[in-house]
PDB file of all heavy atoms in Angstrom:
ATOM      1  N   VAL A   1     -24.520   0.557  96.838  1.00  0.00           N
ATOM      2  CA  VAL A   1     -23.580   1.647  96.458  1.00  0.00           C
ATOM      3  C   VAL A   1     -23.144   1.468  95.015  1.00  0.00           C
ATOM      4  O   VAL A   1     -23.055   2.454  94.269  1.00  0.00           O
ATOM      5  CB  VAL A   1     -22.376   1.682  97.441  1.00  0.00           C
ATOM      6  CG1 VAL A   1     -21.325   2.648  96.963  1.00  0.00           C
ATOM      7  CG2 VAL A   1     -22.855   2.034  98.837  1.00  0.00           C
ATOM      8  N   ILE A   2     -22.865   0.254  94.610  1.00  0.00           N
ATOM      9  CA  ILE A   2     -22.436  -0.033  93.242  1.00  0.00           C
ATOM     10  C   ILE A   2     -23.503   0.426  92.240  1.00  0.00           C
ATOM     11  O   ILE A   2     -23.175   0.868  91.144  1.00  0.00           O
ATOM     12  CB  ILE A   2     -22.128  -1.547  93.084  1.00  0.00           C
ATOM     13  CG1 ILE A   2     -20.848  -1.889  93.842  1.00  0.00           C
ATOM     14  CG2 ILE A   2     -22.035  -1.951  91.616  1.00  0.00           C
ATOM     15  CD1 ILE A   2     -20.574  -3.375  93.989  1.00  0.00           C
ATOM     16  N   LYS A   3     -24.753   0.315  92.614  1.00  0.00           N
ATOM     17  CA  LYS A   3     -25.853   0.672  91.696  1.00  0.00           C
ATOM     18  C   LYS A   3     -26.069   2.165  91.530  1.00  0.00           C
ATOM     19  O   LYS A   3     -26.808   2.578  90.638  1.00  0.00           O
ATOM     20  CB  LYS A   3     -27.157   0.017  92.181  1.00  0.00           C
ATOM     21  CG  LYS A   3     -27.124  -1.492  92.120  1.00  0.00           C
ATOM     22  CD  LYS A   3     -28.397  -2.067  92.717  1.00  0.00           C
ATOM     23  CE  LYS A   3     -28.344  -3.580  92.804  1.00  0.00           C
ATOM     24  NZ  LYS A   3     -29.513  -4.103  93.506  1.00  0.00           N
ATOM     25  N   LEU A   4     -25.464   2.989  92.389  1.00  0.00           N
ATOM     26  CA  LEU A   4     -25.649   4.420  92.276  1.00  0.00           C
ATOM     27  C   LEU A   4     -25.109   4.936  90.945  1.00  0.00           C
ATOM     28  O   LEU A   4     -24.044   4.545  90.506  1.00  0.00           O
ATOM     29  CB  LEU A   4     -24.951   5.144  93.426  1.00  0.00           C
ATOM     30  CG  LEU A   4     -25.568   4.953  94.797  1.00  0.00           C
ATOM     31  CD1 LEU A   4     -24.689   5.575  95.881  1.00  0.00           C
ATOM     32  CD2 LEU A   4     -26.971   5.543  94.852  1.00  0.00           C
ATOM     33  N   GLY A   5     -25.875   5.814  90.346  1.00  0.00           N
ATOM     34  CA  GLY A   5     -25.492   6.336  89.035  1.00  0.00           C
ATOM     35  C   GLY A   5     -25.667   7.842  88.956  1.00  0.00           C
ATOM     36  O   GLY A   5     -25.987   8.516  89.936  1.00  0.00           O
ATOM     37  N   LYS A   6     -25.492   8.328  87.758  1.00  0.00           N
ATOM     38  CA  LYS A   6     -25.543   9.764  87.512  1.00  0.00           C
ATOM     39  C   LYS A   6     -26.913  10.363  87.856  1.00  0.00           C
ATOM     40  O   LYS A   6     -26.968  11.488  88.361  1.00  0.00           O
ATOM     41  CB  LYS A   6     -25.160  10.043  86.070  1.00  0.00           C
ATOM     42  CG  LYS A   6     -23.713   9.665  85.809  1.00  0.00           C
ATOM     43  CD  LYS A   6     -23.336   9.745  84.366  1.00  0.00           C
ATOM     44  CE  LYS A   6     -21.882   9.316  84.232  1.00  0.00           C
ATOM     45  NZ  LYS A   6     -21.460   9.214  82.856  1.00  0.00           N
ATOM     46  N   ASP A   7     -27.974   9.624  87.600  1.00  0.00           N
ATOM     47  CA  ASP A   7     -29.305  10.131  87.939  1.00  0.00           C
ATOM     48  C   ASP A   7     -29.453  10.356  89.446  1.00  0.00           C
ATOM     49  O   ASP A   7     -30.135  11.289  89.849  1.00  0.00           O
ATOM     50  CB  ASP A   7     -30.392   9.182  87.449  1.00  0.00           C
ATOM     51  CG  ASP A   7     -30.539   9.219  85.919  1.00  0.00           C
ATOM     52  OD1 ASP A   7     -30.081  10.187  85.285  1.00  0.00           O
ATOM     53  OD2 ASP A   7     -31.125   8.258  85.373  1.00  0.00           O
ATOM     54  N   ASP A   8     -28.818   9.499  90.250  1.00  0.00           N
ATOM     55  CA  ASP A   8     -28.874   9.659  91.711  1.00  0.00           C
ATOM     56  C   ASP A   8     -28.187  10.955  92.139  1.00  0.00           C
ATOM     57  O   ASP A   8     -28.676  11.655  93.034  1.00  0.00           O
ATOM     58  CB  ASP A   8     -28.237   8.468  92.404  1.00  0.00           C
ATOM     59  CG  ASP A   8     -28.969   7.177  92.101  1.00  0.00           C
ATOM     60  OD1 ASP A   8     -30.171   7.083  92.392  1.00  0.00           O
ATOM     61  OD2 ASP A   8     -28.336   6.251  91.559  1.00  0.00           O
ATOM     62  N   ILE A   9     -27.079  11.270  91.501  1.00  0.00           N
ATOM     63  CA  ILE A   9     -26.350  12.516  91.815  1.00  0.00           C
ATOM     64  C   ILE A   9     -27.191  13.710  91.408  1.00  0.00           C
ATOM     65  O   ILE A   9     -27.363  14.664  92.195  1.00  0.00           O
ATOM     66  CB  ILE A   9     -24.984  12.557  91.104  1.00  0.00           C
ATOM     67  CG1 ILE A   9     -24.075  11.412  91.596  1.00  0.00           C
ATOM     68  CG2 ILE A   9     -24.303  13.919  91.305  1.00  0.00           C
ATOM     69  CD1 ILE A   9     -23.750  11.444  93.071  1.00  0.00           C
ATOM     70  N   LEU A  10     -27.749  13.686  90.207  1.00  0.00           N
ATOM     71  CA  LEU A  10     -28.566  14.797  89.728  1.00  0.00           C
ATOM     72  C   LEU A  10     -29.787  14.983  90.613  1.00  0.00           C
ATOM     73  O   LEU A  10     -30.158  16.123  90.928  1.00  0.00           O
ATOM     74  CB  LEU A  10     -28.985  14.566  88.278  1.00  0.00           C
ATOM     75  CG  LEU A  10     -27.853  14.610  87.256  1.00  0.00           C
ATOM     76  CD1 LEU A  10     -28.384  14.261  85.855  1.00  0.00           C
ATOM     77  CD2 LEU A  10     -27.175  15.977  87.246  1.00  0.00           C
ATOM     78  N   GLU A  11     -30.395  13.895  91.046  1.00  0.00           N
ATOM     79  CA  GLU A  11     -31.556  13.972  91.933  1.00  0.00           C
ATOM     80  C   GLU A  11     -31.183  14.605  93.263  1.00  0.00           C
ATOM     81  O   GLU A  11     -31.915  15.436  93.808  1.00  0.00           O
ATOM     82  CB  GLU A  11     -32.148  12.579  92.140  1.00  0.00           C
ATOM     83  CG  GLU A  11     -33.416  12.595  92.955  1.00  0.00           C
ATOM     84  CD  GLU A  11     -34.030  11.210  93.084  1.00  0.00           C
ATOM     85  OE1 GLU A  11     -34.006  10.449  92.107  1.00  0.00           O
ATOM     86  OE2 GLU A  11     -34.498  10.896  94.198  1.00  0.00           O
ATOM     87  N   SER A  12     -30.015  14.225  93.805  1.00  0.00           N
ATOM     88  CA  SER A  12     -29.613  14.789  95.096  1.00  0.00           C
ATOM     89  C   SER A  12     -29.299  16.267  94.981  1.00  0.00           C
ATOM     90  O   SER A  12     -29.561  17.042  95.913  1.00  0.00           O
ATOM     91  CB  SER A  12     -28.426  14.018  95.674  1.00  0.00           C
ATOM     92  OG  SER A  12     -27.260  14.274  94.951  1.00  0.00           O
ATOM     93  N   LEU A  13     -28.750  16.700  93.834  1.00  0.00           N
ATOM     94  CA  LEU A  13     -28.482  18.128  93.651  1.00  0.00           C
ATOM     95  C   LEU A  13     -29.769  18.932  93.507  1.00  0.00           C
ATOM     96  O   LEU A  13     -29.851  20.055  93.966  1.00  0.00           O
ATOM     97  CB  LEU A  13     -27.583  18.346  92.423  1.00  0.00           C
ATOM     98  CG  LEU A  13     -26.131  17.882  92.600  1.00  0.00           C
ATOM     99  CD1 LEU A  13     -25.394  17.888  91.273  1.00  0.00           C
ATOM    100  CD2 LEU A  13     -25.410  18.738  93.628  1.00  0.00           C
ATOM    101  N   GLY A  14     -30.751  18.346  92.852  1.00  0.00           N
ATOM    102  CA  GLY A  14     -32.078  18.938  92.803  1.00  0.00           C
ATOM    103  C   GLY A  14     -32.280  20.108  91.873  1.00  0.00           C
ATOM    104  O   GLY A  14     -33.379  20.662  91.832  1.00  0.00           O
ATOM    105  N   ILE A  15     -31.258  20.500  91.151  1.00  0.00           N
ATOM    106  CA  ILE A  15     -31.400  21.609  90.191  1.00  0.00           C
ATOM    107  C   ILE A  15     -30.793  21.159  88.863  1.00  0.00           C
ATOM    108  O   ILE A  15     -29.934  20.285  88.848  1.00  0.00           O
ATOM    109  CB  ILE A  15     -30.713  22.907  90.660  1.00  0.00           C
ATOM    110  CG1 ILE A  15     -29.215  22.712  90.858  1.00  0.00           C
ATOM    111  CG2 ILE A  15     -31.385  23.463  91.906  1.00  0.00           C
ATOM    112  CD1 ILE A  15     -28.443  23.973  91.105  1.00  0.00           C
ATOM    113  N   PRO A  16     -31.229  21.754  87.773  1.00  0.00           N
ATOM    114  CA  PRO A  16     -30.626  21.409  86.484  1.00  0.00           C
ATOM    115  C   PRO A  16     -29.132  21.778  86.480  1.00  0.00           C
ATOM    116  O   PRO A  16     -28.749  22.828  86.982  1.00  0.00           O
ATOM    117  CB  PRO A  16     -31.397  22.263  85.488  1.00  0.00           C
ATOM    118  CG  PRO A  16     -32.632  22.683  86.183  1.00  0.00           C
ATOM    119  CD  PRO A  16     -32.311  22.733  87.649  1.00  0.00           C
ATOM    120  N   ILE A  17     -28.335  20.892  85.925  1.00  0.00           N
ATOM    121  CA  ILE A  17     -26.896  21.114  85.817  1.00  0.00           C
ATOM    122  C   ILE A  17     -26.555  21.274  84.342  1.00  0.00           C
ATOM    123  O   ILE A  17     -26.925  20.430  83.529  1.00  0.00           O
ATOM    124  CB  ILE A  17     -26.092  19.938  86.418  1.00  0.00           C
ATOM    125  CG1 ILE A  17     -26.457  19.714  87.882  1.00  0.00           C
ATOM    126  CG2 ILE A  17     -24.600  20.150  86.262  1.00  0.00           C
ATOM    127  CD1 ILE A  17     -26.124  20.848  88.801  1.00  0.00           C
ATOM    128  N   SER A  18     -25.868  22.335  83.995  1.00  0.00           N
ATOM    129  CA  SER A  18     -25.499  22.571  82.596  1.00  0.00           C
ATOM    130  C   SER A  18     -24.524  21.491  82.141  1.00  0.00           C
ATOM    131  O   SER A  18     -23.782  20.916  82.957  1.00  0.00           O
ATOM    132  CB  SER A  18     -24.886  23.957  82.420  1.00  0.00           C
ATOM    133  OG  SER A  18     -23.592  23.979  83.020  1.00  0.00           O
ATOM    134  N   PRO A  19     -24.490  21.218  80.827  1.00  0.00           N
ATOM    135  CA  PRO A  19     -23.549  20.221  80.327  1.00  0.00           C
ATOM    136  C   PRO A  19     -22.105  20.519  80.723  1.00  0.00           C
ATOM    137  O   PRO A  19     -21.331  19.597  80.988  1.00  0.00           O
ATOM    138  CB  PRO A  19     -23.727  20.321  78.802  1.00  0.00           C
ATOM    139  CG  PRO A  19     -25.140  20.778  78.629  1.00  0.00           C
ATOM    140  CD  PRO A  19     -25.364  21.735  79.784  1.00  0.00           C
ATOM    141  N   ALA A  20     -21.733  21.778  80.813  1.00  0.00           N
ATOM    142  CA  ALA A  20     -20.357  22.138  81.199  1.00  0.00           C
ATOM    143  C   ALA A  20     -20.062  21.768  82.643  1.00  0.00           C
ATOM    144  O   ALA A  20     -18.907  21.579  83.013  1.00  0.00           O
ATOM    145  CB  ALA A  20     -20.140  23.631  80.987  1.00  0.00           C
ATOM    146  N   ARG A  21     -21.073  21.661  83.489  1.00  0.00           N
ATOM    147  CA  ARG A  21     -20.876  21.373  84.913  1.00  0.00           C
ATOM    148  C   ARG A  21     -21.080  19.896  85.274  1.00  0.00           C
ATOM    149  O   ARG A  21     -20.891  19.529  86.438  1.00  0.00           O
ATOM    150  CB  ARG A  21     -21.822  22.222  85.767  1.00  0.00           C
ATOM    151  CG  ARG A  21     -21.668  23.730  85.576  1.00  0.00           C
ATOM    152  CD  ARG A  21     -20.271  24.252  85.870  1.00  0.00           C
ATOM    153  NE  ARG A  21     -19.823  24.027  87.201  1.00  0.00           N
ATOM    154  CZ  ARG A  21     -19.946  24.840  88.227  1.00  0.00           C
ATOM    155  NH1 ARG A  21     -20.530  26.019  88.046  1.00  0.00           N
ATOM    156  NH2 ARG A  21     -19.512  24.540  89.410  1.00  0.00           N
ATOM    157  N   THR A  22     -21.491  19.059  84.320  1.00  0.00           N
ATOM    158  CA  THR A  22     -21.754  17.661  84.669  1.00  0.00           C
ATOM    159  C   THR A  22     -20.477  16.947  85.128  1.00  0.00           C
ATOM    160  O   THR A  22     -20.547  16.107  86.025  1.00  0.00           O
ATOM    161  CB  THR A  22     -22.412  16.881  83.523  1.00  0.00           C
ATOM    162  OG1 THR A  22     -21.595  16.965  82.355  1.00  0.00           O
ATOM    163  CG2 THR A  22     -23.811  17.412  83.233  1.00  0.00           C
ATOM    164  N   LYS A  23     -19.334  17.277  84.540  1.00  0.00           N
ATOM    165  CA  LYS A  23     -18.086  16.632  84.999  1.00  0.00           C
ATOM    166  C   LYS A  23     -17.828  16.975  86.462  1.00  0.00           C
ATOM    167  O   LYS A  23     -17.326  16.156  87.221  1.00  0.00           O
ATOM    168  CB  LYS A  23     -16.906  17.043  84.124  1.00  0.00           C
ATOM    169  CG  LYS A  23     -16.856  16.335  82.808  1.00  0.00           C
ATOM    170  CD  LYS A  23     -15.541  16.639  82.089  1.00  0.00           C
ATOM    171  CE  LYS A  23     -15.457  15.947  80.785  1.00  0.00           C
ATOM    172  NZ  LYS A  23     -15.218  14.514  80.889  1.00  0.00           N
ATOM    173  N   CYS A  24     -18.161  18.198  86.854  1.00  0.00           N
ATOM    174  CA  CYS A  24     -18.016  18.612  88.253  1.00  0.00           C
ATOM    175  C   CYS A  24     -18.950  17.788  89.145  1.00  0.00           C
ATOM    176  O   CYS A  24     -18.532  17.282  90.193  1.00  0.00           O
ATOM    177  CB  CYS A  24     -18.353  20.085  88.411  1.00  0.00           C
ATOM    178  SG  CYS A  24     -17.398  21.208  87.367  1.00  0.00           S
ATOM    179  N   ALA A  25     -20.193  17.657  88.722  1.00  0.00           N
ATOM    180  CA  ALA A  25     -21.197  16.956  89.517  1.00  0.00           C
ATOM    181  C   ALA A  25     -20.882  15.468  89.635  1.00  0.00           C
ATOM    182  O   ALA A  25     -21.141  14.881  90.690  1.00  0.00           O
ATOM    183  CB  ALA A  25     -22.573  17.136  88.878  1.00  0.00           C
ATOM    184  N   PHE A  26     -20.305  14.874  88.600  1.00  0.00           N
ATOM    185  CA  PHE A  26     -20.084  13.417  88.603  1.00  0.00           C
ATOM    186  C   PHE A  26     -18.692  12.998  89.040  1.00  0.00           C
ATOM    187  O   PHE A  26     -18.393  11.806  89.085  1.00  0.00           O
ATOM    188  CB  PHE A  26     -20.382  12.842  87.208  1.00  0.00           C
ATOM    189  CG  PHE A  26     -21.791  13.061  86.749  1.00  0.00           C
ATOM    190  CD1 PHE A  26     -22.045  13.333  85.418  1.00  0.00           C
ATOM    191  CD2 PHE A  26     -22.856  13.008  87.638  1.00  0.00           C
ATOM    192  CE1 PHE A  26     -23.349  13.538  84.972  1.00  0.00           C
ATOM    193  CE2 PHE A  26     -24.161  13.223  87.190  1.00  0.00           C
ATOM    194  CZ  PHE A  26     -24.411  13.478  85.855  1.00  0.00           C
ATOM    195  N   LEU A  27     -17.819  13.931  89.383  1.00  0.00           N
ATOM    196  CA  LEU A  27     -16.459  13.583  89.783  1.00  0.00           C
ATOM    197  C   LEU A  27     -16.464  12.632  90.976  1.00  0.00           C
ATOM    198  O   LEU A  27     -15.751  11.616  90.970  1.00  0.00           O
ATOM    199  CB  LEU A  27     -15.653  14.848  90.109  1.00  0.00           C
ATOM    200  CG  LEU A  27     -14.210  14.629  90.578  1.00  0.00           C
ATOM    201  CD1 LEU A  27     -13.388  13.867  89.532  1.00  0.00           C
ATOM    202  CD2 LEU A  27     -13.555  15.970  90.905  1.00  0.00           C
ATOM    203  N   SER A  28     -17.242  12.907  92.000  1.00  0.00           N
ATOM    204  CA  SER A  28     -17.246  12.040  93.197  1.00  0.00           C
ATOM    205  C   SER A  28     -17.755  10.637  92.860  1.00  0.00           C
ATOM    206  O   SER A  28     -17.245   9.645  93.393  1.00  0.00           O
ATOM    207  CB  SER A  28     -18.095  12.661  94.307  1.00  0.00           C
ATOM    208  OG  SER A  28     -19.413  12.866  93.912  1.00  0.00           O
ATOM    209  N   LEU A  29     -18.737  10.546  91.986  1.00  0.00           N
ATOM    210  CA  LEU A  29     -19.269   9.240  91.595  1.00  0.00           C
ATOM    211  C   LEU A  29     -18.216   8.437  90.838  1.00  0.00           C
ATOM    212  O   LEU A  29     -18.005   7.250  91.083  1.00  0.00           O
ATOM    213  CB  LEU A  29     -20.507   9.430  90.723  1.00  0.00           C
ATOM    214  CG  LEU A  29     -21.240   8.158  90.325  1.00  0.00           C
ATOM    215  CD1 LEU A  29     -21.861   7.461  91.548  1.00  0.00           C
ATOM    216  CD2 LEU A  29     -22.339   8.473  89.307  1.00  0.00           C
ATOM    217  N   ARG A  30     -17.470   9.129  89.961  1.00  0.00           N
ATOM    218  CA  ARG A  30     -16.392   8.468  89.226  1.00  0.00           C
ATOM    219  C   ARG A  30     -15.302   7.982  90.184  1.00  0.00           C
ATOM    220  O   ARG A  30     -14.808   6.844  90.067  1.00  0.00           O
ATOM    221  CB  ARG A  30     -15.815   9.412  88.166  1.00  0.00           C
ATOM    222  CG  ARG A  30     -14.815   8.723  87.249  1.00  0.00           C
ATOM    223  CD  ARG A  30     -14.405   9.582  86.068  1.00  0.00           C
ATOM    224  NE  ARG A  30     -13.602  10.704  86.503  1.00  0.00           N
ATOM    225  CZ  ARG A  30     -13.889  11.971  86.185  1.00  0.00           C
ATOM    226  NH1 ARG A  30     -14.929  12.275  85.492  1.00  0.00           N
ATOM    227  NH2 ARG A  30     -13.087  12.933  86.605  1.00  0.00           N
ATOM    228  N   VAL A  31     -14.937   8.818  91.139  1.00  0.00           N
ATOM    229  CA  VAL A  31     -13.917   8.419  92.130  1.00  0.00           C
ATOM    230  C   VAL A  31     -14.399   7.222  92.937  1.00  0.00           C
ATOM    231  O   VAL A  31     -13.642   6.278  93.162  1.00  0.00           O
ATOM    232  CB  VAL A  31     -13.569   9.631  93.035  1.00  0.00           C
ATOM    233  CG1 VAL A  31     -12.741   9.187  94.240  1.00  0.00           C
ATOM    234  CG2 VAL A  31     -12.826  10.693  92.243  1.00  0.00           C
ATOM    235  N   LEU A  32     -15.649   7.238  93.356  1.00  0.00           N
ATOM    236  CA  LEU A  32     -16.219   6.128  94.129  1.00  0.00           C
ATOM    237  C   LEU A  32     -16.176   4.829  93.331  1.00  0.00           C
ATOM    238  O   LEU A  32     -15.666   3.808  93.815  1.00  0.00           O
ATOM    239  CB  LEU A  32     -17.667   6.449  94.511  1.00  0.00           C
ATOM    240  CG  LEU A  32     -18.455   5.303  95.150  1.00  0.00           C
ATOM    241  CD1 LEU A  32     -17.870   4.899  96.487  1.00  0.00           C
ATOM    242  CD2 LEU A  32     -19.923   5.663  95.287  1.00  0.00           C
ATOM    243  N   HIS A  33     -16.679   4.851  92.096  1.00  0.00           N
ATOM    244  CA  HIS A  33     -16.718   3.612  91.301  1.00  0.00           C
ATOM    245  C   HIS A  33     -15.319   3.111  90.964  1.00  0.00           C
ATOM    246  O   HIS A  33     -15.081   1.889  91.004  1.00  0.00           O
ATOM    247  CB  HIS A  33     -17.535   3.814  90.031  1.00  0.00           C
ATOM    248  CG  HIS A  33     -19.018   3.852  90.284  1.00  0.00           C
ATOM    249  ND1 HIS A  33     -19.704   2.775  90.803  1.00  0.00           N
ATOM    250  CD2 HIS A  33     -19.937   4.824  90.105  1.00  0.00           C
ATOM    251  CE1 HIS A  33     -20.997   3.094  90.917  1.00  0.00           C
ATOM    252  NE2 HIS A  33     -21.160   4.336  90.503  1.00  0.00           N
ATOM    253  N   ARG A  34     -14.400   3.988  90.685  1.00  0.00           N
ATOM    254  CA  ARG A  34     -13.013   3.542  90.410  1.00  0.00           C
ATOM    255  C   ARG A  34     -12.395   2.923  91.639  1.00  0.00           C
ATOM    256  O   ARG A  34     -11.682   1.925  91.560  1.00  0.00           O
ATOM    257  CB  ARG A  34     -12.164   4.701  89.902  1.00  0.00           C
ATOM    258  CG  ARG A  34     -12.479   5.053  88.476  1.00  0.00           C
ATOM    259  CD  ARG A  34     -11.523   6.082  87.942  1.00  0.00           C
ATOM    260  NE  ARG A  34     -11.867   6.380  86.563  1.00  0.00           N
ATOM    261  CZ  ARG A  34     -11.375   7.369  85.868  1.00  0.00           C
ATOM    262  NH1 ARG A  34     -10.474   8.158  86.423  1.00  0.00           N
ATOM    263  NH2 ARG A  34     -11.739   7.585  84.630  1.00  0.00           N
ATOM    264  N   GLY A  35     -12.636   3.528  92.809  1.00  0.00           N
ATOM    265  CA  GLY A  35     -12.100   2.969  94.045  1.00  0.00           C
ATOM    266  C   GLY A  35     -12.662   1.580  94.332  1.00  0.00           C
ATOM    267  O   GLY A  35     -11.929   0.667  94.711  1.00  0.00           O
ATOM    268  N   LEU A  36     -13.962   1.416  94.144  1.00  0.00           N
ATOM    269  CA  LEU A  36     -14.577   0.094  94.348  1.00  0.00           C
ATOM    270  C   LEU A  36     -14.017  -0.926  93.358  1.00  0.00           C
ATOM    271  O   LEU A  36     -13.764  -2.072  93.725  1.00  0.00           O
ATOM    272  CB  LEU A  36     -16.102   0.196  94.205  1.00  0.00           C
ATOM    273  CG  LEU A  36     -16.816   0.965  95.312  1.00  0.00           C
ATOM    274  CD1 LEU A  36     -18.283   1.183  94.946  1.00  0.00           C
ATOM    275  CD2 LEU A  36     -16.693   0.251  96.656  1.00  0.00           C
ATOM    276  N   ALA A  37     -13.800  -0.506  92.120  1.00  0.00           N
ATOM    277  CA  ALA A  37     -13.224  -1.392  91.114  1.00  0.00           C
ATOM    278  C   ALA A  37     -11.799  -1.786  91.478  1.00  0.00           C
ATOM    279  O   ALA A  37     -11.428  -2.965  91.407  1.00  0.00           O
ATOM    280  CB  ALA A  37     -13.285  -0.760  89.736  1.00  0.00           C
ATOM    281  N   MET A  38     -10.991  -0.806  91.903  1.00  0.00           N
ATOM    282  CA  MET A  38      -9.601  -1.101  92.267  1.00  0.00           C
ATOM    283  C   MET A  38      -9.533  -2.023  93.477  1.00  0.00           C
ATOM    284  O   MET A  38      -8.585  -2.793  93.608  1.00  0.00           O
ATOM    285  CB  MET A  38      -8.829   0.191  92.537  1.00  0.00           C
ATOM    286  CG  MET A  38      -8.560   0.982  91.283  1.00  0.00           C
ATOM    287  SD  MET A  38      -7.442   2.420  91.495  1.00  0.00           S
ATOM    288  CE  MET A  38      -8.172   3.284  92.829  1.00  0.00           C
ATOM    289  N   ALA A  39     -10.513  -1.949  94.361  1.00  0.00           N
ATOM    290  CA  ALA A  39     -10.555  -2.820  95.533  1.00  0.00           C
ATOM    291  C   ALA A  39     -11.165  -4.173  95.220  1.00  0.00           C
ATOM    292  O   ALA A  39     -11.291  -5.026  96.115  1.00  0.00           O
ATOM    293  CB  ALA A  39     -11.342  -2.132  96.661  1.00  0.00           C
ATOM    294  N   GLY A  40     -11.576  -4.394  93.975  1.00  0.00           N
ATOM    295  CA  GLY A  40     -12.152  -5.671  93.580  1.00  0.00           C
ATOM    296  C   GLY A  40     -13.620  -5.845  93.984  1.00  0.00           C
ATOM    297  O   GLY A  40     -14.115  -6.964  93.974  1.00  0.00           O
ATOM    298  N   LEU A  41     -14.280  -4.758  94.309  1.00  0.00           N
ATOM    299  CA  LEU A  41     -15.679  -4.844  94.746  1.00  0.00           C
ATOM    300  C   LEU A  41     -16.660  -4.549  93.632  1.00  0.00           C
ATOM    301  O   LEU A  41     -17.868  -4.722  93.794  1.00  0.00           O
ATOM    302  CB  LEU A  41     -15.919  -3.885  95.916  1.00  0.00           C
ATOM    303  CG  LEU A  41     -15.094  -4.147  97.164  1.00  0.00           C
ATOM    304  CD1 LEU A  41     -15.200  -2.977  98.138  1.00  0.00           C
ATOM    305  CD2 LEU A  41     -15.511  -5.465  97.807  1.00  0.00           C
ATOM    306  N   GLU A  42     -16.167  -4.082  92.494  1.00  0.00           N
ATOM    307  CA  GLU A  42     -17.017  -3.700  91.367  1.00  0.00           C
ATOM    308  C   GLU A  42     -16.278  -3.933  90.074  1.00  0.00           C
ATOM    309  O   GLU A  42     -15.051  -3.795  90.025  1.00  0.00           O
ATOM    310  CB  GLU A  42     -17.387  -2.213  91.520  1.00  0.00           C
ATOM    311  CG  GLU A  42     -18.202  -1.673  90.371  1.00  0.00           C
ATOM    312  CD  GLU A  42     -18.580  -0.201  90.581  1.00  0.00           C
ATOM    313  OE1 GLU A  42     -18.462   0.317  91.697  1.00  0.00           O
ATOM    314  OE2 GLU A  42     -18.997   0.408  89.601  1.00  0.00           O
ATOM    315  N   ARG A  43     -17.001  -4.270  89.027  1.00  0.00           N
ATOM    316  CA  ARG A  43     -16.383  -4.382  87.699  1.00  0.00           C
ATOM    317  C   ARG A  43     -15.842  -3.029  87.285  1.00  0.00           C
ATOM    318  O   ARG A  43     -16.529  -2.019  87.458  1.00  0.00           O
ATOM    319  CB  ARG A  43     -17.409  -4.844  86.663  1.00  0.00           C
ATOM    320  CG  ARG A  43     -17.819  -6.268  86.756  1.00  0.00           C
ATOM    321  CD  ARG A  43     -18.616  -6.722  85.524  1.00  0.00           C
ATOM    322  NE  ARG A  43     -19.319  -5.666  84.816  1.00  0.00           N
ATOM    323  CZ  ARG A  43     -20.603  -5.319  84.997  1.00  0.00           C
ATOM    324  NH1 ARG A  43     -21.315  -5.953  85.894  1.00  0.00           N
ATOM    325  NH2 ARG A  43     -21.154  -4.360  84.272  1.00  0.00           N
ATOM    326  N   PRO A  44     -14.647  -2.948  86.715  1.00  0.00           N
ATOM    327  CA  PRO A  44     -14.069  -1.666  86.341  1.00  0.00           C
ATOM    328  C   PRO A  44     -14.944  -0.864  85.363  1.00  0.00           C
ATOM    329  O   PRO A  44     -14.920   0.354  85.386  1.00  0.00           O
ATOM    330  CB  PRO A  44     -12.728  -2.041  85.690  1.00  0.00           C
ATOM    331  CG  PRO A  44     -12.424  -3.386  86.208  1.00  0.00           C
ATOM    332  CD  PRO A  44     -13.737  -4.062  86.486  1.00  0.00           C
TER     333      PRO A  44
END
């Protein structure tokens, strides 16, 4: 789970995402990584 990155999100969406929408697409990934970091499971 820690290794998941932006390319994994884009691949799962399967369509090109405009630069204006990338923050929307990556919000869940950012929330996941911050949560893991706050729990001490991942480097911040």
